[in-house]
N, C-alpha and C. Protein backbone atom coordinates (compact mmCIF):
# COMPACT_ATOMS: atom_id res chain seq x y z
N MET A 1 78.33 19.24 75.03
CA MET A 1 79.31 19.53 73.93
C MET A 1 79.42 21.10 73.97
N PRO A 2 80.68 21.57 73.71
CA PRO A 2 80.92 22.97 73.65
C PRO A 2 80.34 23.62 72.38
N ASN A 3 80.23 24.96 72.40
CA ASN A 3 79.80 25.67 71.27
C ASN A 3 80.65 25.26 69.99
N ILE A 4 80.03 24.98 68.90
CA ILE A 4 80.72 24.56 67.68
C ILE A 4 81.70 25.57 67.16
N GLY A 5 81.39 26.88 67.50
CA GLY A 5 82.41 27.93 67.13
C GLY A 5 83.71 27.79 67.64
N LYS A 6 83.86 27.07 68.74
CA LYS A 6 85.17 26.76 69.33
C LYS A 6 86.12 26.18 68.34
N TYR A 7 85.68 25.52 67.34
CA TYR A 7 86.53 24.77 66.45
C TYR A 7 86.84 25.64 65.27
N ASP A 8 86.32 26.87 65.23
CA ASP A 8 86.77 27.82 64.13
C ASP A 8 87.72 28.87 64.63
N GLN A 9 88.46 28.58 65.68
CA GLN A 9 89.38 29.60 66.23
C GLN A 9 90.50 29.84 65.26
N SER A 10 90.86 31.04 65.19
CA SER A 10 91.99 31.53 64.30
C SER A 10 92.99 32.24 65.16
N ARG A 11 94.22 32.19 64.66
CA ARG A 11 95.23 32.99 65.37
C ARG A 11 95.28 34.36 64.98
N PHE A 12 94.35 34.81 64.07
CA PHE A 12 94.26 36.16 63.62
C PHE A 12 92.94 36.77 64.04
N LEU A 13 93.00 38.04 64.39
CA LEU A 13 91.84 38.86 64.77
C LEU A 13 90.78 38.90 63.60
N LYS A 14 89.60 38.73 63.97
CA LYS A 14 88.54 39.04 62.97
C LYS A 14 87.56 40.05 63.57
N ALA A 15 86.82 40.74 62.69
CA ALA A 15 85.93 41.71 63.20
C ALA A 15 85.00 41.24 64.17
N GLU A 16 84.58 39.97 64.16
CA GLU A 16 83.57 39.35 65.06
C GLU A 16 84.32 39.24 66.49
N ASP A 17 85.60 39.33 66.56
CA ASP A 17 86.36 39.20 67.87
C ASP A 17 86.28 40.51 68.69
N ILE A 18 85.89 41.67 68.11
CA ILE A 18 85.89 42.86 68.87
C ILE A 18 84.47 43.40 68.90
N ASN A 19 84.20 44.19 69.86
CA ASN A 19 82.83 44.79 70.11
C ASN A 19 82.61 46.04 69.25
N THR A 20 81.50 46.05 68.66
CA THR A 20 80.97 47.34 67.91
C THR A 20 80.96 48.47 68.77
N GLY A 21 81.51 49.60 68.35
CA GLY A 21 81.48 50.82 69.18
C GLY A 21 82.69 51.01 70.15
N GLU A 22 83.53 49.99 70.24
CA GLU A 22 84.69 50.18 71.14
C GLU A 22 85.93 50.33 70.33
N GLU A 23 86.88 51.09 70.93
CA GLU A 23 88.22 51.25 70.23
C GLU A 23 89.18 50.40 71.17
N TYR A 24 90.24 49.97 70.47
CA TYR A 24 91.26 49.09 71.11
C TYR A 24 92.56 49.75 70.88
N THR A 25 93.22 50.03 71.96
CA THR A 25 94.56 50.56 71.78
C THR A 25 95.58 49.56 72.25
N ARG A 26 96.63 49.35 71.47
CA ARG A 26 97.56 48.34 71.63
C ARG A 26 98.94 48.79 71.18
N ILE A 27 100.00 48.30 71.72
CA ILE A 27 101.34 48.53 71.28
C ILE A 27 101.84 47.48 70.39
N ILE A 28 102.42 47.86 69.22
CA ILE A 28 102.96 46.85 68.33
C ILE A 28 104.19 46.17 68.90
N GLN A 29 104.22 44.85 68.91
CA GLN A 29 105.34 44.07 69.32
C GLN A 29 106.20 43.60 68.13
N SER A 30 105.56 43.22 67.13
CA SER A 30 106.27 42.74 65.92
C SER A 30 105.33 42.69 64.68
N ILE A 31 105.99 42.56 63.57
CA ILE A 31 105.21 42.40 62.32
C ILE A 31 105.89 41.24 61.56
N THR A 32 105.07 40.21 61.19
CA THR A 32 105.60 39.11 60.49
C THR A 32 104.82 38.88 59.22
N GLU A 33 105.39 38.01 58.39
CA GLU A 33 104.62 37.61 57.19
C GLU A 33 104.07 36.23 57.34
N GLU A 34 102.84 36.11 57.05
CA GLU A 34 102.14 34.85 57.33
C GLU A 34 101.33 34.40 56.15
N GLU A 35 101.29 33.06 55.88
CA GLU A 35 100.44 32.53 54.91
C GLU A 35 98.95 32.49 55.35
N VAL A 36 98.04 32.92 54.56
CA VAL A 36 96.59 32.92 54.98
C VAL A 36 95.77 32.41 53.91
N GLY A 37 94.61 32.06 54.12
CA GLY A 37 93.65 31.70 53.06
C GLY A 37 93.61 30.17 52.84
N GLN A 38 92.73 29.89 51.83
CA GLN A 38 92.48 28.50 51.51
C GLN A 38 93.01 28.17 50.19
N ASP A 39 93.48 29.21 49.40
CA ASP A 39 94.00 29.00 48.03
C ASP A 39 95.31 28.33 47.99
N ASN A 40 95.56 27.81 46.87
CA ASN A 40 96.96 27.07 46.70
C ASN A 40 97.61 27.74 45.51
N PRO A 41 98.63 28.51 45.62
CA PRO A 41 99.30 28.84 46.96
C PRO A 41 98.42 29.84 47.78
N LYS A 42 98.77 29.77 49.03
CA LYS A 42 98.14 30.70 49.98
C LYS A 42 98.76 32.13 49.78
N ALA A 43 97.87 33.13 50.19
CA ALA A 43 98.38 34.53 50.15
C ALA A 43 99.36 34.73 51.35
N VAL A 44 100.36 35.54 51.16
CA VAL A 44 101.24 36.00 52.19
C VAL A 44 101.00 37.47 52.45
N ILE A 45 100.67 37.70 53.71
CA ILE A 45 100.36 39.11 54.18
C ILE A 45 101.15 39.46 55.37
N PRO A 46 101.26 40.74 55.69
CA PRO A 46 101.90 41.11 56.93
C PRO A 46 100.85 41.04 58.10
N VAL A 47 101.42 40.69 59.24
CA VAL A 47 100.47 40.56 60.43
C VAL A 47 101.07 41.35 61.53
N VAL A 48 100.34 42.13 62.21
CA VAL A 48 100.86 42.95 63.30
C VAL A 48 100.52 42.17 64.63
N TRP A 49 101.50 41.93 65.46
CA TRP A 49 101.32 41.23 66.78
C TRP A 49 101.44 42.31 67.85
N PHE A 50 100.75 42.15 68.97
CA PHE A 50 100.66 43.16 70.04
C PHE A 50 101.33 42.74 71.37
N ARG A 51 101.82 43.70 72.02
CA ARG A 51 102.46 43.37 73.35
C ARG A 51 101.36 42.85 74.38
N GLY A 52 101.85 42.22 75.36
CA GLY A 52 100.90 41.86 76.41
C GLY A 52 100.38 40.54 76.21
N ASP A 53 99.24 40.20 76.76
CA ASP A 53 98.61 38.92 76.68
C ASP A 53 97.61 38.74 75.48
N TYR A 54 97.70 39.61 74.53
CA TYR A 54 96.82 39.60 73.42
C TYR A 54 97.41 38.61 72.40
N LYS A 55 96.73 37.42 72.22
CA LYS A 55 97.24 36.28 71.55
C LYS A 55 97.09 36.36 70.08
N LYS A 56 96.17 37.14 69.51
CA LYS A 56 95.87 37.08 68.02
C LYS A 56 96.62 38.30 67.33
N GLY A 57 96.97 37.97 66.23
CA GLY A 57 97.62 38.99 65.27
C GLY A 57 96.55 39.62 64.47
N LEU A 58 96.87 40.81 63.93
CA LEU A 58 95.81 41.53 63.06
C LEU A 58 96.45 41.50 61.68
N GLY A 59 95.87 40.70 60.75
CA GLY A 59 96.34 40.69 59.40
C GLY A 59 96.19 42.00 58.67
N LEU A 60 97.18 42.35 57.90
CA LEU A 60 97.08 43.67 57.11
C LEU A 60 96.70 43.32 55.63
N SER A 61 95.70 42.46 55.35
CA SER A 61 95.42 42.15 54.00
C SER A 61 94.71 43.38 53.28
N ALA A 62 94.09 44.23 54.08
CA ALA A 62 93.41 45.42 53.51
C ALA A 62 94.38 46.49 53.34
N LYS A 63 94.51 47.00 52.07
CA LYS A 63 95.52 47.97 51.72
C LYS A 63 95.27 49.22 52.61
N ILE A 64 94.01 49.59 52.90
CA ILE A 64 93.82 50.80 53.57
C ILE A 64 94.45 50.69 55.10
N ASN A 65 94.42 49.58 55.66
CA ASN A 65 95.06 49.40 56.96
C ASN A 65 96.55 49.64 56.85
N ARG A 66 97.25 49.05 55.84
CA ARG A 66 98.67 49.18 55.65
C ARG A 66 98.95 50.68 55.40
N ASN A 67 98.12 51.34 54.56
CA ASN A 67 98.36 52.73 54.23
C ASN A 67 98.11 53.58 55.39
N MET A 68 97.17 53.26 56.27
CA MET A 68 96.87 54.00 57.54
C MET A 68 98.02 53.98 58.49
N LEU A 69 98.65 52.86 58.66
CA LEU A 69 99.89 52.72 59.52
C LEU A 69 100.94 53.40 58.92
N MET A 70 101.17 53.31 57.64
CA MET A 70 102.25 54.10 57.01
C MET A 70 102.06 55.59 57.32
N HIS A 71 100.90 56.09 57.12
CA HIS A 71 100.56 57.51 57.37
C HIS A 71 100.75 57.93 58.80
N ASN A 72 100.23 57.01 59.78
CA ASN A 72 100.39 57.38 61.21
C ASN A 72 101.80 57.46 61.62
N PHE A 73 102.67 56.50 61.13
CA PHE A 73 103.95 56.39 61.53
C PHE A 73 104.97 57.13 60.71
N GLY A 74 104.58 57.61 59.54
CA GLY A 74 105.46 58.28 58.65
C GLY A 74 106.54 57.45 58.03
N SER A 75 106.31 56.13 57.90
CA SER A 75 107.31 55.24 57.41
C SER A 75 106.56 54.04 56.74
N SER A 76 107.11 53.60 55.62
CA SER A 76 106.80 52.31 55.13
C SER A 76 107.51 51.08 55.53
N GLU A 77 108.51 51.29 56.36
CA GLU A 77 109.34 50.28 57.03
C GLU A 77 108.70 49.80 58.26
N THR A 78 108.33 48.56 58.20
CA THR A 78 107.52 47.98 59.38
C THR A 78 108.32 47.87 60.60
N ASP A 79 109.71 47.83 60.53
CA ASP A 79 110.56 47.90 61.64
C ASP A 79 110.37 49.20 62.45
N ASP A 80 109.99 50.30 61.78
CA ASP A 80 109.72 51.55 62.40
C ASP A 80 108.46 51.60 63.22
N TRP A 81 107.63 50.56 63.00
CA TRP A 81 106.32 50.61 63.62
C TRP A 81 106.37 49.84 65.04
N ILE A 82 107.39 49.11 65.30
CA ILE A 82 107.57 48.37 66.55
C ILE A 82 107.64 49.25 67.72
N GLY A 83 106.82 49.02 68.79
CA GLY A 83 106.72 49.87 69.95
C GLY A 83 105.86 51.04 69.81
N ARG A 84 105.15 51.16 68.69
CA ARG A 84 104.32 52.34 68.44
C ARG A 84 102.89 51.89 68.88
N LYS A 85 102.07 52.83 69.31
CA LYS A 85 100.65 52.70 69.69
C LYS A 85 99.72 52.79 68.46
N VAL A 86 98.83 51.89 68.46
CA VAL A 86 97.77 51.87 67.46
C VAL A 86 96.39 51.85 68.05
N VAL A 87 95.43 52.34 67.37
CA VAL A 87 94.00 52.40 67.89
C VAL A 87 93.20 51.71 66.65
N PHE A 88 92.42 50.75 66.94
CA PHE A 88 91.61 50.14 65.89
C PHE A 88 90.22 49.95 66.48
N TYR A 89 89.32 49.69 65.54
CA TYR A 89 87.93 49.48 65.89
C TYR A 89 87.22 48.67 64.78
N ARG A 90 86.03 48.31 65.04
CA ARG A 90 85.15 47.47 64.19
C ARG A 90 84.26 48.46 63.35
N THR A 91 84.17 48.19 62.09
CA THR A 91 83.25 49.03 61.28
C THR A 91 82.70 48.10 60.05
N MET A 92 82.20 48.74 59.06
CA MET A 92 81.68 48.01 57.95
C MET A 92 82.40 48.49 56.68
N THR A 93 82.52 47.44 55.74
CA THR A 93 83.04 47.81 54.44
C THR A 93 82.18 46.92 53.44
N GLU A 94 82.48 47.05 52.12
CA GLU A 94 81.81 46.30 51.21
C GLU A 94 82.80 45.24 50.65
N TYR A 95 82.32 43.95 50.46
CA TYR A 95 83.12 42.93 49.96
C TYR A 95 82.17 42.16 49.00
N GLN A 96 82.54 42.04 47.66
CA GLN A 96 81.80 41.39 46.70
C GLN A 96 80.41 41.83 46.66
N GLY A 97 80.20 43.16 46.88
CA GLY A 97 78.90 43.81 46.71
C GLY A 97 78.06 43.77 47.96
N LYS A 98 78.57 43.09 48.97
CA LYS A 98 77.79 43.04 50.23
C LYS A 98 78.45 43.64 51.46
N PRO A 99 77.70 44.29 52.38
CA PRO A 99 78.35 44.85 53.55
C PRO A 99 78.73 43.77 54.45
N VAL A 100 80.01 43.96 54.92
CA VAL A 100 80.62 42.93 55.89
C VAL A 100 81.33 43.70 57.00
N PRO A 101 81.46 43.15 58.20
CA PRO A 101 82.19 43.75 59.21
C PRO A 101 83.75 43.63 58.95
N CYS A 102 84.46 44.66 59.40
CA CYS A 102 85.93 44.72 59.19
C CYS A 102 86.56 45.43 60.40
N ILE A 103 87.84 45.47 60.37
CA ILE A 103 88.62 46.17 61.33
C ILE A 103 89.41 47.30 60.70
N ARG A 104 89.39 48.41 61.21
CA ARG A 104 90.15 49.68 60.65
C ARG A 104 90.96 50.22 61.69
N PHE A 105 92.08 50.99 61.28
CA PHE A 105 92.88 51.75 62.25
C PHE A 105 92.43 53.16 62.27
N ARG A 106 92.48 53.82 63.29
CA ARG A 106 92.02 55.18 63.51
C ARG A 106 93.21 56.11 62.93
N PRO A 107 92.88 56.97 62.06
CA PRO A 107 93.90 57.95 61.58
C PRO A 107 94.46 58.73 62.74
N LYS A 108 95.84 59.06 62.56
CA LYS A 108 96.56 59.83 63.62
C LYS A 108 95.77 61.07 64.00
N GLU A 109 95.22 61.79 63.04
CA GLU A 109 94.51 63.02 63.39
C GLU A 109 93.30 62.77 64.24
N GLU A 110 92.68 61.62 64.28
CA GLU A 110 91.53 61.31 65.06
C GLU A 110 91.75 60.67 66.38
N ILE A 111 93.03 60.28 66.61
CA ILE A 111 93.32 59.67 67.83
C ILE A 111 93.27 60.72 68.95
N GLN A 112 92.48 60.50 70.01
CA GLN A 112 92.53 61.44 71.13
C GLN A 112 93.74 61.35 71.96
N HIS A 113 94.36 62.39 72.19
CA HIS A 113 95.55 62.32 73.06
C HIS A 113 95.28 62.64 74.51
N SER A 114 95.88 62.07 75.39
CA SER A 114 95.45 62.28 76.79
C SER A 114 95.82 63.68 77.29
N GLU A 115 96.82 64.30 76.74
CA GLU A 115 97.12 65.61 77.08
C GLU A 115 97.32 66.47 75.79
N PRO A 116 96.49 67.59 75.67
CA PRO A 116 96.67 68.32 74.44
C PRO A 116 98.06 69.03 74.45
N ASP A 117 98.56 69.32 73.24
CA ASP A 117 99.86 69.95 73.17
C ASP A 117 99.49 71.54 73.33
N VAL A 118 99.99 72.11 74.42
CA VAL A 118 99.79 73.54 74.66
C VAL A 118 101.14 74.23 74.63
N PRO A 119 101.27 75.24 73.81
CA PRO A 119 102.57 75.89 73.71
C PRO A 119 102.79 76.60 74.99
N VAL A 120 104.05 76.66 75.43
CA VAL A 120 104.42 77.31 76.61
C VAL A 120 104.85 78.85 76.25
N ASP A 121 104.30 79.80 77.02
CA ASP A 121 104.70 81.14 76.69
C ASP A 121 106.08 81.33 77.19
N PRO A 122 107.13 81.78 76.22
CA PRO A 122 108.49 81.78 76.64
C PRO A 122 108.76 82.85 77.74
N GLU A 123 107.88 83.80 77.93
CA GLU A 123 108.06 84.77 79.01
C GLU A 123 107.71 84.13 80.39
N LEU A 124 106.84 83.15 80.45
CA LEU A 124 106.43 82.54 81.70
C LEU A 124 107.18 81.26 81.96
N LYS A 125 107.89 80.77 80.96
CA LYS A 125 108.54 79.44 81.19
C LYS A 125 109.36 79.27 82.42
N ASP A 126 110.29 80.28 82.80
CA ASP A 126 111.20 80.21 83.87
C ASP A 126 110.71 80.88 85.06
N LYS A 127 109.58 81.55 85.05
CA LYS A 127 108.92 82.28 86.11
C LYS A 127 108.36 81.31 87.10
N PRO A 128 108.67 81.49 88.42
CA PRO A 128 108.08 80.65 89.43
C PRO A 128 106.57 80.76 89.48
N ASP A 129 105.82 79.75 89.84
CA ASP A 129 104.45 79.65 90.00
C ASP A 129 104.07 80.35 91.31
N GLU A 130 103.39 81.46 91.21
CA GLU A 130 103.03 82.17 92.44
C GLU A 130 102.17 81.42 93.46
N PHE A 131 101.55 80.34 92.95
CA PHE A 131 100.64 79.55 93.79
C PHE A 131 101.30 78.23 94.27
N SER A 132 102.57 78.03 93.94
CA SER A 132 103.22 76.73 94.25
C SER A 132 103.35 76.41 95.65
N ASP A 133 103.30 77.42 96.66
CA ASP A 133 103.42 77.06 98.10
C ASP A 133 102.05 76.98 98.75
N ASP A 134 100.95 77.28 97.97
CA ASP A 134 99.66 77.29 98.62
C ASP A 134 99.29 75.78 99.04
N GLU A 135 98.63 75.70 100.19
CA GLU A 135 98.19 74.43 100.65
C GLU A 135 96.84 74.10 100.11
N ILE A 136 96.62 72.94 99.86
CA ILE A 136 95.24 72.61 99.33
C ILE A 136 94.60 71.75 100.27
N PRO A 137 93.41 72.25 100.84
CA PRO A 137 92.72 71.57 101.90
C PRO A 137 91.96 70.43 101.25
N PHE A 138 92.40 69.19 101.60
CA PHE A 138 91.62 68.06 101.13
C PHE A 138 91.14 67.34 102.34
């Protein structure tokens, strides 16, 4: 018999689905409104879906996550978020007085960029590189 957890699969990402200490970078494909929960009526929350073969959406039930995306993208219009890169990670929060795992988005200021923004000196901008014809012995 397979692991009983197999029957608890969700179409939404949970903190338990991602590894502690790792960051996940994805590109937003779409944002939908989805009914979630066991209450009647169910809660309706925005869900972020990612490009590629990533099958689970990330529910934005936590206001901090919605606010972080608004901050990072400078817009409260979710259509403006499509095609944008996000970084999220697993951490802890408090729920009903107890510590529980959760997923949070990295603030824009903390996202490591692959290339730093370096200002170009206007006097050197159009000047030819004196080493451009050098051969590099490999």
